[in-house]
């Protein structure tokens, strides 16, 4: 049986196309944030309209402190932003890319498994 192999020049060329280690770490952390169903739910709600912590708490059935913690994680990853209306913070998606990522994820997860 013949094994699939690439030559050293091809291997080096492929390695050169990889992002640097720090970029890979940042991307891995970014993707990890999407691995939590609560955070995903928050993102989907915010995709529809800006909401405050109280509203998100009502929608998710979670304590406001838990929602605030998740929003902090989402803010740190630049997925959401907020503005103040008086003493109330109103959260929204940071930009249209976030909505596109959600759409792509849904589309991918709905695809049937192929074994080509």
C-alpha atoms as a PDB file:
ATOM      1  CA  UNK A   1       0.000   0.000   0.000  1.00  0.00           C
ATOM      2  CA  UNK A   2       1.355   3.387  -0.967  1.00  0.00           C
ATOM      3  CA  UNK A   3       1.162   6.119   1.662  1.00  0.00           C
ATOM      4  CA  UNK A   4       0.200   9.664   0.895  1.00  0.00           C
ATOM      5  CA  UNK A   5       3.245  11.812   1.354  1.00  0.00           C
ATOM      6  CA  UNK A   6       4.281  15.317   0.599  1.00  0.00           C
ATOM      7  CA  UNK A   7       7.808  16.381  -0.140  1.00  0.00           C
ATOM      8  CA  UNK A   8       9.739  18.724   2.165  1.00  0.00           C
ATOM      9  CA  UNK A   9       9.305  21.741  -0.129  1.00  0.00           C
ATOM     10  CA  UNK A  10       5.526  21.281  -0.119  1.00  0.00           C
ATOM     11  CA  UNK A  11       5.526  20.811   3.656  1.00  0.00           C
ATOM     12  CA  UNK A  12       7.534  24.000   4.125  1.00  0.00           C
ATOM     13  CA  UNK A  13       5.236  25.935   1.797  1.00  0.00           C
ATOM     14  CA  UNK A  14       2.178  24.750   3.728  1.00  0.00           C
ATOM     15  CA  UNK A  15       3.761  25.658   7.061  1.00  0.00           C
ATOM     16  CA  UNK A  16       4.547  29.167   5.807  1.00  0.00           C
ATOM     17  CA  UNK A  17       0.847  29.742   5.126  1.00  0.00           C
ATOM     18  CA  UNK A  18      -0.161  29.038   8.718  1.00  0.00           C
ATOM     19  CA  UNK A  19      -0.861  32.034  10.927  1.00  0.00           C
ATOM     20  CA  UNK A  20       1.804  32.690  13.547  1.00  0.00           C
ATOM     21  CA  UNK A  21       1.381  30.959  16.924  1.00  0.00           C
ATOM     22  CA  UNK A  22      -0.130  33.992  18.657  1.00  0.00           C
ATOM     23  CA  UNK A  23      -2.740  34.379  15.902  1.00  0.00           C
ATOM     24  CA  UNK A  24      -3.580  30.679  16.177  1.00  0.00           C
ATOM     25  CA  UNK A  25      -4.035  31.024  19.946  1.00  0.00           C
ATOM     26  CA  UNK A  26      -6.262  34.087  19.502  1.00  0.00           C
ATOM     27  CA  UNK A  27      -8.362  32.311  16.890  1.00  0.00           C
ATOM     28  CA  UNK A  28      -8.708  29.202  19.061  1.00  0.00           C
ATOM     29  CA  UNK A  29      -9.945  31.346  21.950  1.00  0.00           C
ATOM     30  CA  UNK A  30     -12.351  33.184  19.642  1.00  0.00           C
ATOM     31  CA  UNK A  31     -13.821  29.902  18.390  1.00  0.00           C
ATOM     32  CA  UNK A  32     -14.023  28.510  21.938  1.00  0.00           C
ATOM     33  CA  UNK A  33     -16.375  31.352  22.912  1.00  0.00           C
ATOM     34  CA  UNK A  34     -18.896  30.011  20.399  1.00  0.00           C
ATOM     35  CA  UNK A  35     -18.815  26.605  22.106  1.00  0.00           C
ATOM     36  CA  UNK A  36     -21.118  27.668  24.943  1.00  0.00           C
ATOM     37  CA  UNK A  37     -24.907  27.384  24.324  1.00  0.00           C
ATOM     38  CA  UNK A  38     -25.677  30.257  26.718  1.00  0.00           C
ATOM     39  CA  UNK A  39     -23.333  32.618  24.916  1.00  0.00           C
ATOM     40  CA  UNK A  40     -24.715  31.501  21.570  1.00  0.00           C
ATOM     41  CA  UNK A  41     -28.245  32.193  22.776  1.00  0.00           C
ATOM     42  CA  UNK A  42     -27.232  35.666  23.907  1.00  0.00           C
ATOM     43  CA  UNK A  43     -25.648  36.337  20.521  1.00  0.00           C
ATOM     44  CA  UNK A  44     -28.775  35.187  18.687  1.00  0.00           C
ATOM     45  CA  UNK A  45     -30.984  37.414  20.867  1.00  0.00           C
ATOM     46  CA  UNK A  46     -28.694  40.384  20.324  1.00  0.00           C
ATOM     47  CA  UNK A  47     -28.713  39.712  16.622  1.00  0.00           C
ATOM     48  CA  UNK A  48     -32.412  40.522  16.660  1.00  0.00           C
ATOM     49  CA  UNK A  49     -32.221  43.683  18.756  1.00  0.00           C
ATOM     50  CA  UNK A  50     -30.156  45.468  21.399  1.00  0.00           C
ATOM     51  CA  UNK A  51     -31.060  44.322  24.914  1.00  0.00           C
ATOM     52  CA  UNK A  52     -30.174  45.054  28.522  1.00  0.00           C
ATOM     53  CA  UNK A  53     -29.039  42.475  31.091  1.00  0.00           C
ATOM     54  CA  UNK A  54     -32.522  42.357  32.626  1.00  0.00           C
ATOM     55  CA  UNK A  55     -34.117  41.525  29.261  1.00  0.00           C
ATOM     56  CA  UNK A  56     -31.522  38.851  28.539  1.00  0.00           C
ATOM     57  CA  UNK A  57     -32.129  37.398  31.989  1.00  0.00           C
ATOM     58  CA  UNK A  58     -35.858  37.138  31.269  1.00  0.00           C
ATOM     59  CA  UNK A  59     -35.258  35.580  27.855  1.00  0.00           C
ATOM     60  CA  UNK A  60     -32.756  32.991  29.065  1.00  0.00           C
ATOM     61  CA  UNK A  61     -34.212  32.289  32.491  1.00  0.00           C
ATOM     62  CA  UNK A  62     -30.787  32.894  34.023  1.00  0.00           C
ATOM     63  CA  UNK A  63     -29.725  35.156  36.879  1.00  0.00           C
ATOM     64  CA  UNK A  64     -28.569  38.631  35.886  1.00  0.00           C
ATOM     65  CA  UNK A  65     -25.147  37.958  37.417  1.00  0.00           C
ATOM     66  CA  UNK A  66     -24.714  34.911  35.168  1.00  0.00           C
ATOM     67  CA  UNK A  67     -25.754  36.943  32.113  1.00  0.00           C
ATOM     68  CA  UNK A  68     -23.358  39.730  33.098  1.00  0.00           C
ATOM     69  CA  UNK A  69     -20.528  37.204  33.350  1.00  0.00           C
ATOM     70  CA  UNK A  70     -21.271  35.836  29.869  1.00  0.00           C
ATOM     71  CA  UNK A  71     -21.524  39.351  28.448  1.00  0.00           C
ATOM     72  CA  UNK A  72     -18.113  40.151  29.929  1.00  0.00           C
ATOM     73  CA  UNK A  73     -16.630  37.173  28.076  1.00  0.00           C
ATOM     74  CA  UNK A  74     -18.354  38.260  24.859  1.00  0.00           C
ATOM     75  CA  UNK A  75     -17.114  41.845  25.315  1.00  0.00           C
ATOM     76  CA  UNK A  76     -13.542  40.669  25.892  1.00  0.00           C
ATOM     77  CA  UNK A  77     -13.678  38.806  22.592  1.00  0.00           C
ATOM     78  CA  UNK A  78     -15.171  41.897  20.891  1.00  0.00           C
ATOM     79  CA  UNK A  79     -18.350  40.045  19.961  1.00  0.00           C
ATOM     80  CA  UNK A  80     -20.677  42.471  21.740  1.00  0.00           C
ATOM     81  CA  UNK A  81     -20.552  46.105  22.731  1.00  0.00           C
ATOM     82  CA  UNK A  82     -22.723  48.280  24.907  1.00  0.00           C
ATOM     83  CA  UNK A  83     -23.829  51.838  25.360  1.00  0.00           C
ATOM     84  CA  UNK A  84     -25.428  53.521  28.336  1.00  0.00           C
ATOM     85  CA  UNK A  85     -28.970  54.826  28.546  1.00  0.00           C
ATOM     86  CA  UNK A  86     -28.935  56.504  31.917  1.00  0.00           C
ATOM     87  CA  UNK A  87     -27.743  53.830  34.327  1.00  0.00           C
ATOM     88  CA  UNK A  88     -28.723  50.969  32.022  1.00  0.00           C
ATOM     89  CA  UNK A  89     -26.267  49.256  29.661  1.00  0.00           C
ATOM     90  CA  UNK A  90     -27.741  48.207  26.326  1.00  0.00           C
ATOM     91  CA  UNK A  91     -25.886  45.416  24.532  1.00  0.00           C
ATOM     92  CA  UNK A  92     -25.682  44.687  20.811  1.00  0.00           C
ATOM     93  CA  UNK A  93     -23.502  42.692  18.436  1.00  0.00           C
ATOM     94  CA  UNK A  94     -20.196  44.395  17.804  1.00  0.00           C
ATOM     95  CA  UNK A  95     -20.467  44.199  14.013  1.00  0.00           C
ATOM     96  CA  UNK A  96     -22.132  42.379  11.121  1.00  0.00           C
ATOM     97  CA  UNK A  97     -19.395  39.740  11.010  1.00  0.00           C
ATOM     98  CA  UNK A  98     -20.785  38.171  14.176  1.00  0.00           C
ATOM     99  CA  UNK A  99     -24.181  37.631  12.564  1.00  0.00           C
ATOM    100  CA  UNK A 100     -22.465  36.148   9.510  1.00  0.00           C
ATOM    101  CA  UNK A 101     -20.497  33.739  11.718  1.00  0.00           C
ATOM    102  CA  UNK A 102     -23.750  32.607  13.342  1.00  0.00           C
ATOM    103  CA  UNK A 103     -25.362  32.083   9.923  1.00  0.00           C
ATOM    104  CA  UNK A 104     -22.385  30.101   8.629  1.00  0.00           C
ATOM    105  CA  UNK A 105     -22.357  27.956  11.773  1.00  0.00           C
ATOM    106  CA  UNK A 106     -26.067  27.184  11.422  1.00  0.00           C
ATOM    107  CA  UNK A 107     -25.674  26.375   7.749  1.00  0.00           C
ATOM    108  CA  UNK A 108     -22.730  24.088   8.418  1.00  0.00           C
ATOM    109  CA  UNK A 109     -24.415  22.247  11.298  1.00  0.00           C
ATOM    110  CA  UNK A 110     -27.507  21.651   9.129  1.00  0.00           C
ATOM    111  CA  UNK A 111     -25.495  20.005   6.340  1.00  0.00           C
ATOM    112  CA  UNK A 112     -25.614  16.266   6.038  1.00  0.00           C
ATOM    113  CA  UNK A 113     -22.430  14.367   6.732  1.00  0.00           C
ATOM    114  CA  UNK A 114     -20.577  13.439   3.573  1.00  0.00           C
ATOM    115  CA  UNK A 115     -17.860  10.834   3.298  1.00  0.00           C
ATOM    116  CA  UNK A 116     -16.426  11.689  -0.106  1.00  0.00           C
END
